[in-house]
Amino acid sequence: MTRRDGRDRREAWREYEILRLKMDIVLATHDHPPKGWDDALRSPDYLPPPGNEWPPTGRTADGRLIFGRLAQPLDSPNNSERRGQSEGQNNE
């Protein structure tokens, strides 16, 4: 791994962990994180997890975004209600 790759990996992990911690705090408290909540992650001493792995991207191997438990493409027949079309309804 080159120096640049190592730096990019560190910054990718830093941003991932900041976002993850922020989501955890907001979900747990239903409020904004307190002042200084991310100081340790923004420190110049921050180190990513050991190894060569990159943080999760939220995408499948073919590049599609992963949204919660949505496993079917939006254009599949089973997703008509998500688009505001219930069965038997004509939206013309």
PDB file of N, CA and C in Angstrom:
ATOM      1  N   MET A   1       0.852  -1.179   0.000  1.00  0.00           N
ATOM      2  CA  MET A   1       0.000   0.000   0.000  1.00  0.00           C
ATOM      3  C   MET A   1       0.896   1.240   0.000  1.00  0.00           C
ATOM      4  N   THR A   2       0.602   2.171  -0.876  1.00  0.00           N
ATOM      5  CA  THR A   2       1.408   3.390  -0.952  1.00  0.00           C
ATOM      6  C   THR A   2       1.024   4.349   0.175  1.00  0.00           C
ATOM      7  N   ARG A   3       1.845   5.364   0.376  1.00  0.00           N
ATOM      8  CA  ARG A   3       1.527   6.363   1.401  1.00  0.00           C
ATOM      9  C   ARG A   3       0.187   7.032   1.142  1.00  0.00           C
ATOM     10  N   ARG A   4      -0.050   7.352  -0.139  1.00  0.00           N
ATOM     11  CA  ARG A   4      -1.311   8.013  -0.484  1.00  0.00           C
ATOM     12  C   ARG A   4      -2.495   7.100  -0.197  1.00  0.00           C
ATOM     13  N   ASP A   5      -2.368   5.813  -0.558  1.00  0.00           N
ATOM     14  CA  ASP A   5      -3.440   4.868  -0.265  1.00  0.00           C
ATOM     15  C   ASP A   5      -3.691   4.773   1.235  1.00  0.00           C
ATOM     16  N   GLY A   6      -2.617   4.745   2.014  1.00  0.00           N
ATOM     17  CA  GLY A   6      -2.748   4.694   3.465  1.00  0.00           C
ATOM     18  C   GLY A   6      -3.443   5.924   4.017  1.00  0.00           C
ATOM     19  N   ARG A   7      -3.096   7.107   3.485  1.00  0.00           N
ATOM     20  CA  ARG A   7      -3.731   8.354   3.908  1.00  0.00           C
ATOM     21  C   ARG A   7      -5.210   8.364   3.523  1.00  0.00           C
ATOM     22  N   ASP A   8      -5.496   7.935   2.288  1.00  0.00           N
ATOM     23  CA  ASP A   8      -6.887   7.887   1.825  1.00  0.00           C
ATOM     24  C   ASP A   8      -7.702   6.913   2.662  1.00  0.00           C
ATOM     25  N   ARG A   9      -7.112   5.763   2.982  1.00  0.00           N
ATOM     26  CA  ARG A   9      -7.800   4.763   3.804  1.00  0.00           C
ATOM     27  C   ARG A   9      -8.071   5.320   5.193  1.00  0.00           C
ATOM     28  N   ARG A  10      -7.079   6.006   5.785  1.00  0.00           N
ATOM     29  CA  ARG A  10      -7.262   6.591   7.112  1.00  0.00           C
ATOM     30  C   ARG A  10      -8.394   7.617   7.104  1.00  0.00           C
ATOM     31  N   GLU A  11      -8.419   8.482   6.091  1.00  0.00           N
ATOM     32  CA  GLU A  11      -9.470   9.504   6.020  1.00  0.00           C
ATOM     33  C   GLU A  11     -10.833   8.883   5.755  1.00  0.00           C
ATOM     34  N   ALA A  12     -10.876   7.822   4.952  1.00  0.00           N
ATOM     35  CA  ALA A  12     -12.148   7.136   4.698  1.00  0.00           C
ATOM     36  C   ALA A  12     -12.688   6.524   5.985  1.00  0.00           C
ATOM     37  N   TRP A  13     -11.802   5.883   6.763  1.00  0.00           N
ATOM     38  CA  TRP A  13     -12.234   5.308   8.040  1.00  0.00           C
ATOM     39  C   TRP A  13     -12.650   6.401   9.016  1.00  0.00           C
ATOM     40  N   ARG A  14     -11.910   7.493   9.034  1.00  0.00           N
ATOM     41  CA  ARG A  14     -12.234   8.592   9.949  1.00  0.00           C
ATOM     42  C   ARG A  14     -13.650   9.107   9.661  1.00  0.00           C
ATOM     43  N   GLU A  15     -13.934   9.387   8.390  1.00  0.00           N
ATOM     44  CA  GLU A  15     -15.256   9.903   8.024  1.00  0.00           C
ATOM     45  C   GLU A  15     -16.353   8.885   8.314  1.00  0.00           C
ATOM     46  N   TYR A  16     -16.074   7.619   8.046  1.00  0.00           N
ATOM     47  CA  TYR A  16     -17.049   6.561   8.328  1.00  0.00           C
ATOM     48  C   TYR A  16     -17.350   6.499   9.832  1.00  0.00           C
ATOM     49  N   GLU A  17     -16.314   6.498  10.658  1.00  0.00           N
ATOM     50  CA  GLU A  17     -16.513   6.388  12.097  1.00  0.00           C
ATOM     51  C   GLU A  17     -17.189   7.630  12.677  1.00  0.00           C
ATOM     52  N   ILE A  18     -16.894   8.803  12.131  1.00  0.00           N
ATOM     53  CA  ILE A  18     -17.564  10.036  12.579  1.00  0.00           C
ATOM     54  C   ILE A  18     -19.054   9.948  12.271  1.00  0.00           C
ATOM     55  N   LEU A  19     -19.390   9.562  11.035  1.00  0.00           N
ATOM     56  CA  LEU A  19     -20.796   9.442  10.656  1.00  0.00           C
ATOM     57  C   LEU A  19     -21.509   8.390  11.489  1.00  0.00           C
ATOM     58  N   ARG A  20     -20.856   7.251  11.686  1.00  0.00           N
ATOM     59  CA  ARG A  20     -21.458   6.160  12.466  1.00  0.00           C
ATOM     60  C   ARG A  20     -21.717   6.589  13.915  1.00  0.00           C
ATOM     61  N   LEU A  21     -20.733   7.250  14.539  1.00  0.00           N
ATOM     62  CA  LEU A  21     -20.895   7.708  15.908  1.00  0.00           C
ATOM     63  C   LEU A  21     -22.001   8.753  16.001  1.00  0.00           C
ATOM     64  N   LYS A  22     -22.042   9.671  15.044  1.00  0.00           N
ATOM     65  CA  LYS A  22     -23.082  10.705  15.042  1.00  0.00           C
ATOM     66  C   LYS A  22     -24.466  10.063  14.947  1.00  0.00           C
ATOM     67  N   MET A  23     -24.624   9.088  14.048  1.00  0.00           N
ATOM     68  CA  MET A  23     -25.913   8.401  13.924  1.00  0.00           C
ATOM     69  C   MET A  23     -26.277   7.689  15.216  1.00  0.00           C
ATOM     70  N   ASP A  24     -25.313   7.030  15.843  1.00  0.00           N
ATOM     71  CA  ASP A  24     -25.579   6.325  17.099  1.00  0.00           C
ATOM     72  C   ASP A  24     -26.019   7.284  18.197  1.00  0.00           C
ATOM     73  N   ILE A  25     -25.354   8.438  18.290  1.00  0.00           N
ATOM     74  CA  ILE A  25     -25.711   9.430  19.316  1.00  0.00           C
ATOM     75  C   ILE A  25     -27.100   9.989  19.059  1.00  0.00           C
ATOM     76  N   VAL A  26     -27.385  10.353  17.817  1.00  0.00           N
ATOM     77  CA  VAL A  26     -28.695  10.930  17.490  1.00  0.00           C
ATOM     78  C   VAL A  26     -29.807   9.912  17.727  1.00  0.00           C
ATOM     79  N   LEU A  27     -29.603   8.663  17.314  1.00  0.00           N
ATOM     80  CA  LEU A  27     -30.627   7.641  17.530  1.00  0.00           C
ATOM     81  C   LEU A  27     -30.848   7.344  19.005  1.00  0.00           C
ATOM     82  N   ALA A  28     -29.790   7.404  19.802  1.00  0.00           N
ATOM     83  CA  ALA A  28     -29.904   7.099  21.227  1.00  0.00           C
ATOM     84  C   ALA A  28     -30.511   8.254  22.021  1.00  0.00           C
ATOM     85  N   THR A  29     -30.193   9.497  21.625  1.00  0.00           N
ATOM     86  CA  THR A  29     -30.620  10.652  22.426  1.00  0.00           C
ATOM     87  C   THR A  29     -31.726  11.475  21.784  1.00  0.00           C
ATOM     88  N   HIS A  30     -31.980  11.262  20.501  1.00  0.00           N
ATOM     89  CA  HIS A  30     -32.934  12.083  19.740  1.00  0.00           C
ATOM     90  C   HIS A  30     -32.571  13.556  19.823  1.00  0.00           C
ATOM     91  N   ASP A  31     -31.285  13.815  19.838  1.00  0.00           N
ATOM     92  CA  ASP A  31     -30.776  15.186  19.930  1.00  0.00           C
ATOM     93  C   ASP A  31     -29.441  15.264  19.186  1.00  0.00           C
ATOM     94  N   HIS A  32     -28.973  16.481  18.986  1.00  0.00           N
ATOM     95  CA  HIS A  32     -27.677  16.683  18.348  1.00  0.00           C
ATOM     96  C   HIS A  32     -26.568  16.199  19.276  1.00  0.00           C
ATOM     97  N   PRO A  33     -25.458  15.737  18.711  1.00  0.00           N
ATOM     98  CA  PRO A  33     -24.335  15.331  19.570  1.00  0.00           C
ATOM     99  C   PRO A  33     -23.808  16.522  20.368  1.00  0.00           C
ATOM    100  N   PRO A  34     -23.292  16.278  21.579  1.00  0.00           N
ATOM    101  CA  PRO A  34     -22.757  17.371  22.392  1.00  0.00           C
ATOM    102  C   PRO A  34     -21.467  17.931  21.803  1.00  0.00           C
ATOM    103  N   LYS A  35     -21.106  19.108  22.239  1.00  0.00           N
ATOM    104  CA  LYS A  35     -19.880  19.742  21.775  1.00  0.00           C
ATOM    105  C   LYS A  35     -18.679  18.836  22.083  1.00  0.00           C
ATOM    106  N   GLY A  36     -17.816  18.675  21.092  1.00  0.00           N
ATOM    107  CA  GLY A  36     -16.604  17.881  21.285  1.00  0.00           C
ATOM    108  C   GLY A  36     -16.792  16.387  21.124  1.00  0.00           C
ATOM    109  N   TRP A  37     -17.955  15.955  20.662  1.00  0.00           N
ATOM    110  CA  TRP A  37     -18.241  14.520  20.568  1.00  0.00           C
ATOM    111  C   TRP A  37     -17.301  13.781  19.617  1.00  0.00           C
ATOM    112  N   ASP A  38     -16.729  14.478  18.651  1.00  0.00           N
ATOM    113  CA  ASP A  38     -15.876  13.809  17.666  1.00  0.00           C
ATOM    114  C   ASP A  38     -14.410  14.222  17.761  1.00  0.00           C
ATOM    115  N   ASP A  39     -14.015  14.827  18.869  1.00  0.00           N
ATOM    116  CA  ASP A  39     -12.636  15.303  19.018  1.00  0.00           C
ATOM    117  C   ASP A  39     -11.598  14.199  18.832  1.00  0.00           C
ATOM    118  N   ALA A  40     -11.835  13.036  19.419  1.00  0.00           N
ATOM    119  CA  ALA A  40     -10.859  11.943  19.315  1.00  0.00           C
ATOM    120  C   ALA A  40     -10.723  11.459  17.869  1.00  0.00           C
ATOM    121  N   LEU A  41     -11.829  11.479  17.132  1.00  0.00           N
ATOM    122  CA  LEU A  41     -11.781  11.014  15.742  1.00  0.00           C
ATOM    123  C   LEU A  41     -11.150  12.044  14.817  1.00  0.00           C
ATOM    124  N   ARG A  42     -11.196  13.310  15.176  1.00  0.00           N
ATOM    125  CA  ARG A  42     -10.621  14.366  14.348  1.00  0.00           C
ATOM    126  C   ARG A  42      -9.166  14.683  14.733  1.00  0.00           C
ATOM    127  N   SER A  43      -8.665  14.025  15.743  1.00  0.00           N
ATOM    128  CA  SER A  43      -7.301  14.231  16.201  1.00  0.00           C
ATOM    129  C   SER A  43      -6.298  13.791  15.131  1.00  0.00           C
ATOM    130  N   PRO A  44      -5.147  14.489  15.047  1.00  0.00           N
ATOM    131  CA  PRO A  44      -4.108  14.052  14.103  1.00  0.00           C
ATOM    132  C   PRO A  44      -3.527  12.680  14.479  1.00  0.00           C
ATOM    133  N   ASP A  45      -3.776  12.240  15.709  1.00  0.00           N
ATOM    134  CA  ASP A  45      -3.284  10.938  16.172  1.00  0.00           C
ATOM    135  C   ASP A  45      -4.221   9.782  15.812  1.00  0.00           C
ATOM    136  N   TYR A  46      -5.334  10.083  15.140  1.00  0.00           N
ATOM    137  CA  TYR A  46      -6.313   9.051  14.800  1.00  0.00           C
ATOM    138  C   TYR A  46      -5.670   7.959  13.944  1.00  0.00           C
ATOM    139  N   LEU A  47      -5.952   6.724  14.277  1.00  0.00           N
ATOM    140  CA  LEU A  47      -5.490   5.571  13.496  1.00  0.00           C
ATOM    141  C   LEU A  47      -6.694   4.734  13.085  1.00  0.00           C
ATOM    142  N   PRO A  48      -6.737   4.299  11.838  1.00  0.00           N
ATOM    143  CA  PRO A  48      -7.842   3.437  11.404  1.00  0.00           C
ATOM    144  C   PRO A  48      -7.678   2.042  11.998  1.00  0.00           C
ATOM    145  N   PRO A  49      -8.699   1.200  11.875  1.00  0.00           N
ATOM    146  CA  PRO A  49      -8.557  -0.177  12.357  1.00  0.00           C
ATOM    147  C   PRO A  49      -7.388  -0.866  11.653  1.00  0.00           C
ATOM    148  N   PRO A  50      -6.735  -1.799  12.322  1.00  0.00           N
ATOM    149  CA  PRO A  50      -5.601  -2.492  11.709  1.00  0.00           C
ATOM    150  C   PRO A  50      -6.035  -3.298  10.488  1.00  0.00           C
ATOM    151  N   GLY A  51      -5.108  -3.503   9.587  1.00  0.00           N
ATOM    152  CA  GLY A  51      -5.380  -4.285   8.381  1.00  0.00           C
ATOM    153  C   GLY A  51      -5.431  -3.398   7.155  1.00  0.00           C
ATOM    154  N   ASN A  52      -5.850  -3.975   6.049  1.00  0.00           N
ATOM    155  CA  ASN A  52      -5.931  -3.248   4.791  1.00  0.00           C
ATOM    156  C   ASN A  52      -7.362  -3.015   4.339  1.00  0.00           C
ATOM    157  N   GLU A  53      -8.324  -3.401   5.157  1.00  0.00           N
ATOM    158  CA  GLU A  53      -9.733  -3.255   4.793  1.00  0.00           C
ATOM    159  C   GLU A  53     -10.140  -1.790   4.755  1.00  0.00           C
ATOM    160  N   TRP A  54     -11.067  -1.482   3.863  1.00  0.00           N
ATOM    161  CA  TRP A  54     -11.649  -0.145   3.771  1.00  0.00           C
ATOM    162  C   TRP A  54     -13.004  -0.174   4.452  1.00  0.00           C
ATOM    163  N   PRO A  55     -13.532   0.980   4.847  1.00  0.00           N
ATOM    164  CA  PRO A  55     -14.839   0.985   5.522  1.00  0.00           C
ATOM    165  C   PRO A  55     -15.951   0.536   4.582  1.00  0.00           C
ATOM    166  N   PRO A  56     -17.071   0.069   5.155  1.00  0.00           N
ATOM    167  CA  PRO A  56     -18.213  -0.318   4.318  1.00  0.00           C
ATOM    168  C   PRO A  56     -18.674   0.870   3.469  1.00  0.00           C
ATOM    169  N   THR A  57     -19.106   0.593   2.254  1.00  0.00           N
ATOM    170  CA  THR A  57     -19.483   1.671   1.348  1.00  0.00           C
ATOM    171  C   THR A  57     -20.975   1.869   1.225  1.00  0.00           C
ATOM    172  N   GLY A  58     -21.779   0.909   1.653  1.00  0.00           N
ATOM    173  CA  GLY A  58     -23.210   1.018   1.453  1.00  0.00           C
ATOM    174  C   GLY A  58     -23.618   0.660   0.038  1.00  0.00           C
ATOM    175  N   ARG A  59     -22.740  -0.049  -0.672  1.00  0.00           N
ATOM    176  CA  ARG A  59     -23.038  -0.468  -2.046  1.00  0.00           C
ATOM    177  C   ARG A  59     -22.797  -1.966  -2.191  1.00  0.00           C
ATOM    178  N   THR A  60     -23.520  -2.558  -3.118  1.00  0.00           N
ATOM    179  CA  THR A  60     -23.307  -3.969  -3.421  1.00  0.00           C
ATOM    180  C   THR A  60     -22.092  -4.096  -4.332  1.00  0.00           C
ATOM    181  N   ALA A  61     -21.688  -5.323  -4.631  1.00  0.00           N
ATOM    182  CA  ALA A  61     -20.512  -5.541  -5.469  1.00  0.00           C
ATOM    183  C   ALA A  61     -20.678  -4.947  -6.866  1.00  0.00           C
ATOM    184  N   ASP A  62     -21.925  -4.871  -7.357  1.00  0.00           N
ATOM    185  CA  ASP A  62     -22.146  -4.305  -8.697  1.00  0.00           C
ATOM    186  C   ASP A  62     -22.367  -2.791  -8.672  1.00  0.00           C
ATOM    187  N   GLY A  63     -22.201  -2.160  -7.500  1.00  0.00           N
ATOM    188  CA  GLY A  63     -22.274  -0.710  -7.413  1.00  0.00           C
ATOM    189  C   GLY A  63     -23.616  -0.145  -7.012  1.00  0.00           C
ATOM    190  N   ARG A  64     -24.634  -0.987  -6.830  1.00  0.00           N
ATOM    191  CA  ARG A  64     -25.953  -0.494  -6.423  1.00  0.00           C
ATOM    192  C   ARG A  64     -25.940  -0.082  -4.960  1.00  0.00           C
ATOM    193  N   LEU A  65     -26.653   1.004  -4.650  1.00  0.00           N
ATOM    194  CA  LEU A  65     -26.764   1.450  -3.265  1.00  0.00           C
ATOM    195  C   LEU A  65     -27.616   0.487  -2.461  1.00  0.00           C
ATOM    196  N   ILE A  66     -27.268   0.316  -1.194  1.00  0.00           N
ATOM    197  CA  ILE A  66     -28.039  -0.518  -0.287  1.00  0.00           C
ATOM    198  C   ILE A  66     -28.874   0.414   0.578  1.00  0.00           C
ATOM    199  N   PHE A  67     -30.198   0.296   0.485  1.00  0.00           N
ATOM    200  CA  PHE A  67     -31.103   1.117   1.285  1.00  0.00           C
ATOM    201  C   PHE A  67     -31.859   0.209   2.238  1.00  0.00           C
ATOM    202  N   GLY A  68     -31.473   0.195   3.498  1.00  0.00           N
ATOM    203  CA  GLY A  68     -32.189  -0.608   4.486  1.00  0.00           C
ATOM    204  C   GLY A  68     -32.309  -2.044   4.040  1.00  0.00           C
ATOM    205  N   ARG A  69     -33.540  -2.518   3.943  1.00  0.00           N
ATOM    206  CA  ARG A  69     -33.774  -3.910   3.562  1.00  0.00           C
ATOM    207  C   ARG A  69     -34.305  -4.040   2.146  1.00  0.00           C
ATOM    208  N   LEU A  70     -34.242  -2.993   1.375  1.00  0.00           N
ATOM    209  CA  LEU A  70     -34.714  -3.034   0.002  1.00  0.00           C
ATOM    210  C   LEU A  70     -33.806  -3.950  -0.808  1.00  0.00           C
ATOM    211  N   ALA A  71     -34.330  -5.097  -1.183  1.00  0.00           N
ATOM    212  CA  ALA A  71     -33.521  -6.066  -1.901  1.00  0.00           C
ATOM    213  C   ALA A  71     -33.894  -6.138  -3.379  1.00  0.00           C
ATOM    214  N   GLN A  72     -35.000  -5.488  -3.759  1.00  0.00           N
ATOM    215  CA  GLN A  72     -35.444  -5.546  -5.145  1.00  0.00           C
ATOM    216  C   GLN A  72     -35.254  -4.183  -5.789  1.00  0.00           C
ATOM    217  N   PRO A  73     -34.980  -4.154  -7.089  1.00  0.00           N
ATOM    218  CA  PRO A  73     -34.908  -2.866  -7.777  1.00  0.00           C
ATOM    219  C   PRO A  73     -36.252  -2.153  -7.700  1.00  0.00           C
ATOM    220  N   LEU A  74     -36.247  -0.836  -7.719  1.00  0.00           N
ATOM    221  CA  LEU A  74     -37.483  -0.071  -7.591  1.00  0.00           C
ATOM    222  C   LEU A  74     -38.462  -0.322  -8.730  1.00  0.00           C
ATOM    223  N   ASP A  75     -37.987  -0.801  -9.877  1.00  0.00           N
ATOM    224  CA  ASP A  75     -38.890  -1.013 -10.997  1.00  0.00           C
ATOM    225  C   ASP A  75     -39.512  -2.408 -11.002  1.00  0.00           C
ATOM    226  N   SER A  76     -39.298  -3.198  -9.960  1.00  0.00           N
ATOM    227  CA  SER A  76     -39.884  -4.530  -9.933  1.00  0.00           C
ATOM    228  C   SER A  76     -41.375  -4.431  -9.630  1.00  0.00           C
ATOM    229  N   PRO A  77     -42.177  -5.406 -10.044  1.00  0.00           N
ATOM    230  CA  PRO A  77     -43.628  -5.350  -9.841  1.00  0.00           C
ATOM    231  C   PRO A  77     -44.033  -5.264  -8.381  1.00  0.00           C
ATOM    232  N   ASN A  78     -43.252  -5.828  -7.471  1.00  0.00           N
ATOM    233  CA  ASN A  78     -43.614  -5.815  -6.058  1.00  0.00           C
ATOM    234  C   ASN A  78     -43.431  -4.460  -5.399  1.00  0.00           C
ATOM    235  N   ASN A  79     -42.839  -3.511  -6.084  1.00  0.00           N
ATOM    236  CA  ASN A  79     -42.570  -2.205  -5.493  1.00  0.00           C
ATOM    237  C   ASN A  79     -43.509  -1.119  -5.995  1.00  0.00           C
ATOM    238  N   SER A  80     -44.641  -1.471  -6.629  1.00  0.00           N
ATOM    239  CA  SER A  80     -45.551  -0.467  -7.165  1.00  0.00           C
ATOM    240  C   SER A  80     -46.129   0.410  -6.051  1.00  0.00           C
ATOM    241  N   GLU A  81     -46.346  -0.149  -4.856  1.00  0.00           N
ATOM    242  CA  GLU A  81     -46.904   0.649  -3.759  1.00  0.00           C
ATOM    243  C   GLU A  81     -45.913   1.698  -3.280  1.00  0.00           C
ATOM    244  N   ARG A  82     -44.627   1.428  -3.383  1.00  0.00           N
ATOM    245  CA  ARG A  82     -43.625   2.412  -2.980  1.00  0.00           C
ATOM    246  C   ARG A  82     -43.677   3.645  -3.872  1.00  0.00           C
ATOM    247  N   ARG A  83     -44.118   3.457  -5.105  1.00  0.00           N
ATOM    248  CA  ARG A  83     -44.207   4.575  -6.036  1.00  0.00           C
ATOM    249  C   ARG A  83     -45.564   5.261  -5.968  1.00  0.00           C
ATOM    250  N   GLY A  84     -46.402   4.877  -5.017  1.00  0.00           N
ATOM    251  CA  GLY A  84     -47.710   5.512  -4.861  1.00  0.00           C
ATOM    252  C   GLY A  84     -48.797   4.882  -5.693  1.00  0.00           C
ATOM    253  N   GLN A  85     -48.581   3.683  -6.176  1.00  0.00           N
ATOM    254  CA  GLN A  85     -49.575   3.010  -6.996  1.00  0.00           C
ATOM    255  C   GLN A  85     -49.992   1.733  -6.302  1.00  0.00           C
ATOM    256  N   SER A  86     -51.126   1.762  -5.661  1.00  0.00           N
ATOM    257  CA  SER A  86     -51.601   0.531  -5.050  1.00  0.00           C
ATOM    258  C   SER A  86     -52.288  -0.311  -6.116  1.00  0.00           C
ATOM    259  N   GLU A  87     -52.466  -1.570  -5.820  1.00  0.00           N
ATOM    260  CA  GLU A  87     -53.011  -2.499  -6.790  1.00  0.00           C
ATOM    261  C   GLU A  87     -54.411  -2.058  -7.232  1.00  0.00           C
ATOM    262  N   GLY A  88     -54.643  -2.048  -8.545  1.00  0.00           N
ATOM    263  CA  GLY A  88     -55.946  -1.665  -9.069  1.00  0.00           C
ATOM    264  C   GLY A  88     -56.124  -0.177  -9.229  1.00  0.00           C
ATOM    265  N   GLN A  89     -55.173   0.610  -8.822  1.00  0.00           N
ATOM    266  CA  GLN A  89     -55.266   2.073  -8.915  1.00  0.00           C
ATOM    267  C   GLN A  89     -54.608   2.521 -10.213  1.00  0.00           C
ATOM    268  N   ASN A  90     -55.229   3.417 -10.898  1.00  0.00           N
ATOM    269  CA  ASN A  90     -54.691   3.938 -12.151  1.00  0.00           C
ATOM    270  C   ASN A  90     -54.263   5.364 -11.929  1.00  0.00           C
ATOM    271  N   ASN A  91     -52.970   5.659 -12.048  1.00  0.00           N
ATOM    272  CA  ASN A  91     -52.436   6.988 -11.781  1.00  0.00           C
ATOM    273  C   ASN A  91     -52.170   7.731 -13.086  1.00  0.00           C
ATOM    274  N   GLU A  92     -53.154   7.865 -13.939  1.00  0.00           N
ATOM    275  CA  GLU A  92     -52.953   8.572 -15.204  1.00  0.00           C
ATOM    276  C   GLU A  92     -53.342  10.019 -15.066  1.00  0.00           C
TER     277      GLU A  92
END
